[in-house]
Protein backbone atom coordinates (compact mmCIF):
# COMPACT_ATOMS: atom_id res chain seq x y z
CA MET A 1 0.00 0.00 0.00
CA PHE A 2 1.30 3.48 -0.90
CA ILE A 3 0.36 4.79 2.55
CA THR A 4 1.90 2.77 5.31
CA ASP A 5 0.32 2.27 8.72
CA ILE A 6 -2.94 3.84 7.52
CA LYS A 7 -4.84 2.71 10.62
CA ARG A 8 -2.51 4.64 12.90
CA VAL A 9 -2.87 7.75 10.73
CA ILE A 10 -6.66 7.54 10.75
CA ASP A 11 -6.82 6.98 14.51
CA GLN A 12 -4.43 9.86 15.19
CA VAL A 13 -6.21 12.34 12.91
CA SER A 14 -9.58 11.31 14.31
CA ARG A 15 -8.37 11.85 17.87
CA GLU A 16 -6.46 15.10 17.34
CA LYS A 17 -8.84 16.80 14.91
CA GLY A 18 -12.08 15.49 16.32
CA ILE A 19 -13.10 13.92 13.00
CA ASP A 20 -15.22 10.78 12.95
CA ALA A 21 -13.05 7.81 11.88
CA GLU A 22 -15.76 6.67 9.46
CA VAL A 23 -15.50 10.01 7.66
CA LEU A 24 -11.75 9.50 7.30
CA VAL A 25 -12.20 5.95 6.00
CA THR A 26 -14.71 7.19 3.43
CA THR A 27 -12.22 9.87 2.42
CA LEU A 28 -9.48 7.25 2.06
CA LYS A 29 -11.70 5.07 -0.16
CA GLU A 30 -12.60 8.03 -2.39
CA ALA A 31 -8.92 8.89 -2.81
CA ILE A 32 -7.96 5.32 -3.75
CA ILE A 33 -10.84 5.07 -6.23
CA SER A 34 -9.66 8.31 -7.82
CA ALA A 35 -6.11 6.97 -8.13
CA ALA A 36 -7.32 3.63 -9.53
CA ARG A 37 -9.41 5.29 -12.22
CA LYS A 38 -6.41 7.31 -13.35
CA LYS A 39 -4.71 3.96 -14.04
CA LEU A 40 -7.66 1.82 -15.16
CA GLY A 41 -10.02 4.31 -16.81
CA PRO A 42 -12.46 7.02 -15.68
CA ARG A 43 -15.48 4.69 -15.75
CA ALA A 44 -13.85 1.72 -14.07
CA ASP A 45 -16.07 0.08 -11.44
CA ILE A 46 -13.81 0.20 -8.37
CA GLU A 47 -14.54 -0.91 -4.82
CA VAL A 48 -12.28 -0.39 -1.80
CA HIS A 49 -12.50 -2.51 1.34
CA TYR A 50 -10.93 -1.33 4.60
CA ASP A 51 -10.41 -3.60 7.61
CA GLU A 52 -10.91 -1.41 10.70
CA LYS A 53 -9.11 -3.91 12.94
CA THR A 54 -5.96 -4.43 10.90
CA GLY A 55 -5.97 -1.32 8.73
CA GLU A 56 -5.57 -3.48 5.61
CA VAL A 57 -6.87 -1.97 2.37
CA GLU A 58 -8.06 -4.09 -0.59
CA VAL A 59 -8.96 -2.68 -4.00
CA PHE A 60 -11.19 -4.53 -6.48
CA HIS A 61 -11.90 -3.79 -10.12
CA PHE A 62 -15.31 -5.23 -11.02
CA LYS A 63 -15.88 -6.44 -14.58
CA GLU A 64 -18.79 -8.16 -16.29
CA VAL A 65 -18.10 -11.60 -17.77
CA VAL A 66 -18.96 -11.56 -21.50
CA GLU A 67 -18.63 -13.79 -24.52
CA VAL A 68 -17.63 -10.98 -26.91
CA LEU A 69 -15.42 -8.19 -25.52
CA GLU A 70 -16.65 -4.67 -26.38
CA ASN A 71 -15.66 -2.59 -23.33
CA PRO A 72 -12.31 -3.73 -21.92
CA GLU A 73 -12.57 -1.16 -19.12
CA ASN A 74 -15.51 -2.93 -17.49
CA GLU A 75 -15.73 -6.29 -19.26
CA LEU A 76 -13.64 -9.46 -19.54
CA LEU A 77 -14.02 -12.61 -21.64
CA ILE A 78 -15.42 -15.76 -20.11
CA GLU A 79 -12.13 -17.53 -20.75
CA GLU A 80 -10.27 -14.97 -18.63
CA GLY A 81 -12.99 -14.96 -16.00
CA LEU A 82 -12.64 -18.69 -15.47
CA ASN A 83 -9.06 -18.08 -14.43
CA TYR A 84 -10.31 -15.98 -11.51
CA ASP A 85 -13.39 -18.04 -10.70
CA PRO A 86 -13.87 -21.48 -12.24
CA GLU A 87 -17.61 -21.28 -11.51
CA CYS A 88 -18.25 -17.91 -13.16
CA GLU A 89 -20.80 -17.58 -15.94
CA ILE A 90 -21.55 -15.05 -18.65
CA GLY A 91 -23.24 -12.03 -17.07
CA ASP A 92 -21.52 -12.42 -13.71
CA SER A 93 -19.61 -9.52 -12.18
CA LEU A 94 -16.15 -10.46 -11.03
CA GLY A 95 -14.10 -8.44 -8.56
CA ILE A 96 -10.47 -8.58 -9.59
CA ARG A 97 -8.10 -7.63 -6.81
CA ILE A 98 -5.71 -4.80 -7.75
CA ASP A 99 -2.28 -4.33 -6.23
CA THR A 100 -2.04 -0.64 -5.31
CA GLU A 101 1.67 -0.77 -6.11
CA ASP A 102 0.60 -1.13 -9.74
CA PHE A 103 -0.93 2.37 -9.69
CA GLY A 104 2.43 3.90 -10.45
CA ARG A 105 4.26 6.80 -8.87
CA ILE A 106 2.07 9.55 -10.39
CA ALA A 107 -1.19 7.86 -9.47
CA ALA A 108 0.07 7.17 -5.95
CA GLN A 109 1.14 10.79 -5.51
CA SER A 110 -2.23 11.93 -6.80
CA ALA A 111 -3.95 9.65 -4.32
CA LYS A 112 -1.91 11.06 -1.46
CA GLN A 113 -2.86 14.60 -2.49
CA VAL A 114 -6.52 13.65 -2.71
CA ILE A 115 -6.33 12.03 0.73
CA ILE A 116 -4.75 15.15 2.22
CA GLN A 117 -7.32 17.37 0.53
CA LYS A 118 -10.23 15.18 1.58
CA MET A 119 -8.97 15.02 5.14
CA ARG A 120 -8.74 18.80 5.24
CA GLU A 121 -12.29 19.03 3.94
CA ALA A 122 -13.37 16.49 6.53
CA GLU A 123 -11.62 18.52 9.21
CA ARG A 124 -13.41 21.69 8.09
CA ASN A 125 -16.73 19.89 8.02
CA ALA A 126 -16.06 18.41 11.46
CA VAL A 127 -15.35 21.86 12.89
CA TYR A 128 -18.59 23.17 11.42
CA GLU A 129 -20.62 20.20 12.68
CA ASN A 130 -19.04 20.41 16.14
CA TYR A 131 -19.70 24.13 16.59
CA ILE A 132 -22.96 24.73 14.75
CA HIS A 133 -24.66 23.04 17.70
CA LYS A 134 -22.98 25.54 20.03
CA LYS A 135 -24.45 28.52 18.24
CA GLY A 136 -26.35 30.60 20.79
CA LYS A 137 -24.30 29.21 23.69
CA ILE A 138 -21.45 30.53 25.81
CA ILE A 139 -17.98 29.18 25.08
CA ASN A 140 -14.56 29.57 26.70
CA GLY A 141 -11.30 30.12 24.89
CA ILE A 142 -7.83 31.62 25.06
CA VAL A 143 -6.70 34.78 23.30
CA GLN A 144 -4.29 33.59 20.62
CA ARG A 145 -3.51 36.69 18.55
CA PHE A 146 -4.86 39.98 17.24
CA ASP A 147 -5.79 40.84 13.66
CA ARG A 148 -6.78 44.40 12.66
CA GLY A 149 -8.73 45.00 15.84
CA SER A 150 -10.26 41.53 15.98
CA ILE A 151 -9.32 39.03 18.68
CA ILE A 152 -8.55 35.52 17.44
CA VAL A 153 -9.59 33.02 20.11
CA ASN A 154 -8.29 29.45 20.39
CA LEU A 155 -11.18 27.11 21.23
CA GLY A 156 -9.03 23.97 21.30
CA GLN A 157 -10.09 22.29 18.07
CA ALA A 158 -10.81 25.51 16.18
CA GLU A 159 -10.26 29.24 16.09
CA ALA A 160 -12.95 31.88 16.53
CA VAL A 161 -13.02 35.62 15.92
CA LEU A 162 -14.24 38.38 18.23
CA ARG A 163 -14.72 41.38 15.96
CA PRO A 164 -14.29 44.97 17.23
CA LYS A 165 -18.04 45.60 17.17
CA ASP A 166 -18.61 42.52 19.33
CA GLN A 167 -16.08 43.55 21.97
CA MET A 168 -17.03 45.33 25.19
CA PRO A 169 -15.86 48.93 25.51
CA ARG A 170 -12.79 49.51 27.65
CA GLU A 171 -11.88 45.80 27.64
CA ASN A 172 -8.24 45.00 27.02
CA TYR A 173 -6.80 41.54 26.44
CA LYS A 174 -3.34 40.16 25.95
CA ARG A 175 -2.18 36.92 24.44
CA GLY A 176 -2.90 33.95 26.70
CA ASP A 177 -5.85 35.55 28.53
CA ARG A 178 -8.91 33.39 29.07
CA ILE A 179 -12.05 34.78 27.48
CA ARG A 180 -15.73 33.92 27.72
CA ALA A 181 -18.06 34.79 24.85
CA PHE A 182 -21.32 34.02 23.09
CA VAL A 183 -21.28 32.01 19.85
CA LEU A 184 -23.09 34.45 17.60
CA ASP A 185 -22.79 32.51 14.35
CA VAL A 186 -21.01 29.62 12.66
CA LEU A 187 -20.45 30.18 8.94
CA GLU A 188 -19.54 27.43 6.48
CA GLU A 189 -16.99 28.91 4.09
CA SER A 190 -14.58 27.53 1.50
CA LYS A 191 -11.60 28.09 3.79
CA GLY A 192 -13.37 26.36 6.64
CA ALA A 193 -15.90 27.13 9.32
CA GLN A 194 -15.80 30.68 10.67
CA ILE A 195 -16.94 30.97 14.27
CA ILE A 196 -18.15 34.45 15.22
CA LEU A 197 -18.13 35.37 18.92
CA SER A 198 -19.77 38.27 20.74
CA ARG A 199 -19.67 39.79 24.20
CA THR A 200 -22.09 42.61 23.36
CA HIS A 201 -25.15 40.72 22.12
CA PRO A 202 -28.23 40.76 24.42
CA ASP A 203 -28.36 36.95 24.24
CA PHE A 204 -24.94 36.80 25.92
CA LEU A 205 -26.57 38.40 28.95
CA ILE A 206 -29.46 35.91 28.82
CA GLU A 207 -27.08 32.94 28.62
CA LEU A 208 -25.09 34.27 31.60
CA PHE A 209 -28.27 34.28 33.67
CA LYS A 210 -28.99 30.71 32.55
CA THR A 211 -25.55 29.78 33.85
CA GLU A 212 -25.81 31.64 37.16
CA VAL A 213 -29.49 31.12 38.04
CA PRO A 214 -30.68 27.50 38.44
CA GLU A 215 -34.33 28.58 38.28
CA VAL A 216 -33.68 29.94 34.79
CA SER A 217 -31.85 26.84 33.52
CA GLU A 218 -34.60 24.66 35.01
CA GLY A 219 -37.33 26.65 33.24
CA ILE A 220 -39.05 27.93 36.38
CA VAL A 221 -38.00 31.50 35.64
CA THR A 222 -38.23 32.65 32.03
CA ILE A 223 -36.22 35.53 30.61
CA ARG A 224 -38.65 37.30 28.30
CA GLY A 225 -36.18 39.68 26.71
CA ALA A 226 -33.03 41.72 27.12
CA ALA A 227 -31.71 45.09 25.98
CA ARG A 228 -28.18 46.38 26.38
CA VAL A 229 -25.87 49.33 26.09
CA PRO A 230 -22.79 47.09 26.38
CA GLY A 231 -20.54 47.86 29.32
CA ILE A 232 -22.87 50.61 30.56
CA ARG A 233 -26.38 49.42 31.34
CA SER A 234 -28.82 46.67 30.48
CA LYS A 235 -32.34 45.50 31.26
CA ILE A 236 -33.86 42.02 31.28
CA SER A 237 -37.51 41.10 31.80
CA VAL A 238 -38.38 37.95 33.73
CA SER A 239 -41.45 35.95 34.71
CA SER A 240 -42.07 32.85 36.82
CA SER A 241 -44.18 29.77 36.18
CA ASP A 242 -44.26 29.11 39.95
CA SER A 243 -46.20 31.59 42.09
CA ASP A 244 -43.91 30.77 45.01
CA VAL A 245 -40.80 31.86 43.10
CA ASP A 246 -40.09 35.57 42.75
CA PRO A 247 -38.36 35.84 39.35
CA VAL A 248 -36.59 39.10 40.18
CA GLY A 249 -35.37 37.80 43.54
CA ALA A 250 -34.19 34.54 41.99
CA CYS A 251 -32.08 36.43 39.45
CA VAL A 252 -30.66 38.80 42.05
CA GLY A 253 -29.71 36.00 44.43
CA MET A 254 -28.86 36.05 48.13
CA LYS A 255 -27.24 39.41 48.89
CA GLY A 256 -27.12 40.01 45.15
CA ASN A 257 -24.46 37.35 44.59
CA ARG A 258 -25.94 35.94 41.38
CA VAL A 259 -26.36 39.21 39.54
CA GLN A 260 -23.02 40.47 40.85
CA ASN A 261 -21.22 37.54 39.23
CA ILE A 262 -22.73 38.61 35.91
CA VAL A 263 -21.92 42.29 36.52
CA GLN A 264 -18.28 41.33 37.09
CA GLU A 265 -18.20 39.28 33.88
CA LEU A 266 -19.56 42.32 32.02
CA ARG A 267 -17.00 44.66 33.58
CA GLY A 268 -19.41 46.59 35.79
CA GLU A 269 -22.37 46.83 33.42
CA LYS A 270 -25.39 47.91 35.49
CA ILE A 271 -28.25 45.41 35.16
CA ASP A 272 -31.94 46.23 35.79
CA ILE A 273 -34.04 43.11 36.37
CA VAL A 274 -37.64 43.89 35.39
CA GLN A 275 -40.80 41.98 36.31
CA TRP A 276 -42.56 41.07 33.06
CA ASN A 277 -46.32 41.65 32.96
CA PRO A 278 -48.90 40.67 30.32
CA ASP A 279 -50.49 44.09 30.90
CA VAL A 280 -48.29 46.19 28.63
CA ALA A 281 -48.87 49.41 30.60
CA ARG A 282 -47.70 47.77 33.82
CA PHE A 283 -44.79 46.20 31.97
CA VAL A 284 -43.72 49.62 30.67
CA CYS A 285 -43.95 51.08 34.18
CA ASN A 286 -41.73 48.27 35.46
CA ALA A 287 -39.29 48.75 32.59
CA LEU A 288 -38.83 52.44 33.43
CA SER A 289 -37.92 51.62 37.02
CA PRO A 290 -36.63 53.16 39.25
CA ALA A 291 -38.77 56.11 38.10
CA GLU A 292 -42.29 56.25 39.53
CA ILE A 293 -44.96 56.63 36.84
CA SER A 294 -48.03 58.82 37.36
CA ARG A 295 -50.04 57.74 34.34
CA VAL A 296 -49.72 56.19 30.90
CA ILE A 297 -51.57 57.18 27.72
CA ILE A 298 -51.65 54.32 25.21
CA ASP A 299 -51.82 54.65 21.43
CA GLU A 300 -52.50 51.10 20.28
CA ASP A 301 -52.53 51.96 16.57
CA ASN A 302 -48.97 53.32 16.62
CA GLN A 303 -47.81 51.05 19.46
CA SER A 304 -46.64 54.06 21.42
CA MET A 305 -47.23 55.45 24.90
CA GLU A 306 -46.95 58.81 26.54
CA VAL A 307 -45.60 58.24 30.03
CA ILE A 308 -46.20 60.98 32.59
CA VAL A 309 -43.97 61.20 35.66
CA ASN A 310 -43.65 63.63 38.54
CA ASP A 311 -41.22 66.42 37.78
CA GLU A 312 -38.58 65.06 40.17
CA TYR A 313 -38.57 61.68 38.36
CA LEU A 314 -38.24 63.04 34.82
CA SER A 315 -34.44 62.80 34.63
CA ILE A 316 -34.50 59.35 36.26
CA ALA A 317 -37.11 58.05 33.79
CA ILE A 318 -35.14 59.34 30.81
CA GLY A 319 -31.75 58.32 32.19
CA LYS A 320 -28.29 59.53 31.35
CA GLY A 321 -28.13 60.22 27.64
CA GLY A 322 -31.66 58.80 27.32
CA GLN A 323 -30.40 55.30 28.17
CA ASN A 324 -33.20 54.33 30.56
CA VAL A 325 -36.07 55.17 28.22
CA SER A 326 -34.17 53.80 25.20
CA LEU A 327 -33.59 50.44 26.88
CA ALA A 328 -37.21 50.35 28.05
CA CYS A 329 -38.36 50.94 24.46
CA GLU A 330 -36.18 48.09 23.20
CA LEU A 331 -37.24 45.76 26.01
CA THR A 332 -41.00 46.35 25.66
CA GLY A 333 -41.18 46.88 21.92
CA TRP A 334 -43.15 50.12 22.40
CA HIS A 335 -42.24 53.68 21.48
CA LEU A 336 -42.22 55.67 24.72
CA GLU A 337 -42.38 59.43 25.20
CA VAL A 338 -41.68 60.54 28.76
CA THR A 339 -43.26 63.81 29.91
CA SER A 340 -43.30 65.60 33.26
CA GLU A 341 -46.57 66.43 35.02
CA GLU A 342 -45.91 70.13 34.48
CA GLU A 343 -45.35 69.71 30.75
CA TYR A 344 -48.35 67.41 30.44
CA SER A 345 -50.58 69.92 32.27
CA ARG A 346 -49.40 72.57 29.83
CA GLU A 347 -50.22 70.29 26.89
CA VAL A 348 -53.65 69.55 28.35
CA LYS A 349 -54.45 73.25 28.82
CA GLN A 350 -53.31 74.07 25.30
CA GLY A 351 -55.38 71.19 23.93
CA TYR A 352 -58.49 72.14 25.87
CA ASP A 353 -58.13 75.79 24.86
CA ALA A 354 -57.78 74.79 21.21
CA MET A 355 -60.87 72.57 21.29
CA MET A 356 -62.96 75.17 23.13
CA LYS A 357 -62.45 77.69 20.33
CA LEU A 358 -65.17 75.70 18.58
CA SER A 359 -68.65 76.92 19.45
CA ALA A 360 -69.99 73.38 19.83
CA VAL A 361 -67.28 72.32 22.28
CA GLY A 362 -67.44 72.90 26.01
CA LEU A 363 -65.10 71.65 28.72
CA PRO A 364 -66.57 68.09 28.94
CA MET A 365 -66.37 67.58 25.17
CA ALA A 366 -62.88 69.13 25.04
CA GLU A 367 -61.80 66.56 27.62
CA VAL A 368 -63.33 63.74 25.57
CA LEU A 369 -61.62 64.90 22.39
CA PHE A 370 -58.25 65.38 24.10
CA LYS A 371 -58.31 61.93 25.68
CA SER A 372 -59.17 60.48 22.27
CA GLY A 373 -55.96 61.93 20.86
CA TYR A 374 -57.27 65.16 19.32
CA THR A 375 -55.01 67.79 20.85
CA SER A 376 -55.30 70.56 18.24
CA LEU A 377 -57.64 71.92 15.58
CA GLU A 378 -55.28 70.44 12.99
CA ASP A 379 -55.97 66.99 14.48
CA ILE A 380 -59.71 67.65 14.14
CA LEU A 381 -59.38 68.61 10.47
CA GLU A 382 -57.26 65.56 9.65
CA ALA A 383 -59.76 63.17 11.27
CA ARG A 384 -62.60 61.39 9.53
CA GLU A 385 -66.07 62.77 10.13
CA GLU A 386 -67.26 59.35 11.31
CA ASP A 387 -64.51 59.17 13.95
CA ILE A 388 -65.33 62.62 15.36
CA SER A 389 -69.02 61.72 15.39
CA SER A 390 -68.28 58.48 17.24
CA VAL A 391 -66.18 60.24 19.89
CA THR A 392 -68.46 63.25 20.45
CA GLU A 393 -71.80 61.50 19.75
CA LEU A 394 -72.68 64.42 17.48
CA PRO A 395 -74.57 63.87 14.21
CA ILE A 396 -72.55 64.08 11.00
CA GLU A 397 -74.15 67.43 10.11
CA LYS A 398 -72.91 68.98 13.36
CA VAL A 399 -69.48 67.46 12.85
CA GLN A 400 -69.31 68.98 9.37
CA GLU A 401 -70.16 72.38 10.86
CA MET A 402 -67.45 71.85 13.49
CA LEU A 403 -64.86 71.01 10.83
CA ALA A 404 -65.83 74.03 8.75
CA GLU A 405 -65.50 76.25 11.80
CA ALA A 406 -62.11 74.73 12.68
CA LYS A 407 -60.89 75.42 9.15
CA GLU A 408 -62.13 79.01 9.34
CA ILE A 409 -60.42 79.58 12.71
CA LEU A 410 -57.09 78.20 11.45
CA GLU A 411 -57.27 80.32 8.30
CA GLN A 412 -58.00 83.42 10.37
CA GLU A 413 -55.09 82.64 12.72
CA ALA A 414 -52.77 82.13 9.74
CA TYR A 415 -53.92 85.48 8.28
CA GLU A 416 -53.27 87.27 11.57
CA ASP A 417 -49.84 85.66 11.83
CA ASP A 418 -49.00 86.96 8.35
CA LEU A 419 -50.06 90.47 9.34
CA ASP A 420 -47.87 90.31 12.43
CA ASP A 421 -44.90 89.20 10.32
CA GLN A 422 -45.47 92.06 7.88
CA GLU A 423 -45.68 94.63 10.69
CA GLU A 424 -42.42 93.35 12.17
CA ALA A 425 -40.75 93.64 8.76
CA LEU A 426 -42.01 97.21 8.33
CA ASP A 427 -40.84 98.17 11.80
CA GLY A 428 -37.38 96.93 10.88
CA ASP A 429 -37.33 98.99 7.68
CA GLU A 430 -38.31 102.22 9.50
CA MET A 431 -35.35 102.25 11.89
CA PRO A 432 -33.61 105.74 11.76
CA ARG A 433 -30.41 105.94 9.79
CA GLU A 434 -27.65 108.62 9.76
CA ALA A 435 -27.86 110.92 6.73
CA PRO A 436 -24.68 111.00 4.66
CA ALA A 437 -22.63 114.18 4.89
CA ALA A 438 -23.45 116.80 2.27
CA GLU A 439 -20.92 117.14 -0.52
CA GLY A 440 -18.26 119.59 0.45
CA ASP A 441 -19.02 119.48 4.17
CA GLU A 442 -16.01 119.32 6.43
CA ALA A 443 -16.23 116.01 8.24
CA SER A 444 -14.15 117.36 11.05
CA ASP A 445 -16.62 120.15 11.91
CA ASP A 446 -18.80 117.81 14.00
CA LEU A 447 -15.92 116.01 15.72
CA PRO A 448 -14.93 116.87 19.26
CA ASP A 449 -11.56 118.51 19.67
CA ASP A 450 -10.17 115.70 21.84
CA GLY A 451 -10.13 113.27 18.88
CA ALA A 452 -12.65 110.86 20.41
CA ALA A 453 -13.82 109.90 16.95
CA ASN A 454 -10.65 107.87 16.57
CA GLU A 455 -11.49 105.71 19.57
CA GLU A 456 -13.32 102.41 19.28
CA PRO A 457 -16.78 102.53 20.96
CA SER A 458 -17.00 100.16 23.90
CA SER A 459 -19.64 98.65 26.17
CA ASP A 460 -19.89 99.44 29.83
CA ASP A 461 -17.97 96.28 30.84
CA GLY A 462 -15.07 97.05 28.56
CA GLU A 463 -15.74 94.33 25.91
CA GLU A 464 -15.38 95.38 22.30
CA ILE A 465 -18.56 95.75 20.28
CA SER A 466 -18.23 94.52 16.76
């Protein structure tokens, strides 16, 4: 055989590369068949037998026994067939054993190259098959090297990449450091499987809780969602299938030990654990914690809410740089607008005043219209007559009169605004100007003798006026 001690090679590659031995044997057979066909013909019927115990390889060229030879590549005469098997008959298929040494140097070299290539392909496939099942899980590795901002991580049997966008801010690693990351994706490419890691993905946070909190891994506590500003702040929503188990308390742990382990892994990232609620308004209120919510106005059609908080909680509800409300939006899936009580009261007054410009609208109806989302005369004009009629319980004829009046009021206000703008423009044009000196006048006649005209005018505090 042109490859000696093939069993040892297969066992070693299988053990070191994590490739199934059967895959390697199949690869070996394909390589030998390829080499045999180079010697015997491209359509030769070749079979390879491999003894797993001894590592012995046998190659057979099968030919059909015929009376008249037409295809020497796959046929042999009955007279020749009887030499191999005295009991053969016309139409039988005889397997003639081939000595692999007869393949020749070129064919043997070609077979070796095919075997190497096939084993590499098998290795790539094995890496993909081994790690595709780990997609969505946490994995440990060692920092091996750095490549244009990416961290190449040694996983033992494969390498993975942690791209810059998947790295936590302010994290620094050096070669040999242990690293823990989330398997974001496993891509099957021509050069081999590419394993993409992440430490910034929200699912990394979820998987960390599954690791640290037994109630989560056991399915008693369910993590409904997660939102992150990596390295800064994150929120997760949790619920419990057991009324005796507090999902928030289970995730926090005794003296906060469970959540603190995760905070340390995420380099101090602040984690808000939120009680999930099927009532979306209550869920939103929980998500905006620690701010206390006064009321919530829901717009189901646009999946948005106006959240009103006491003035002292406004900055807390919004959070630094808008982080708290942004994370709450991502966690709940709703667009949230946070408003203070003072601002909301101002909006209400403006809305009521706008509605009550209409002769048919008093305070009760203004309140009904405002709560239905009509906060200005423009809103009234853009609405359908049927919708206004349904809200106010007015007949269509009255609604039409209301809309006509609203249009008239807005046109009048626009006209008055134009007049004001024109008056302001005229006032600007009538500002007094200095008359130019008459031709031949001595400019110096009106100047004081002390030469003050040569001094720059200045303001009272000494700053130059330009």
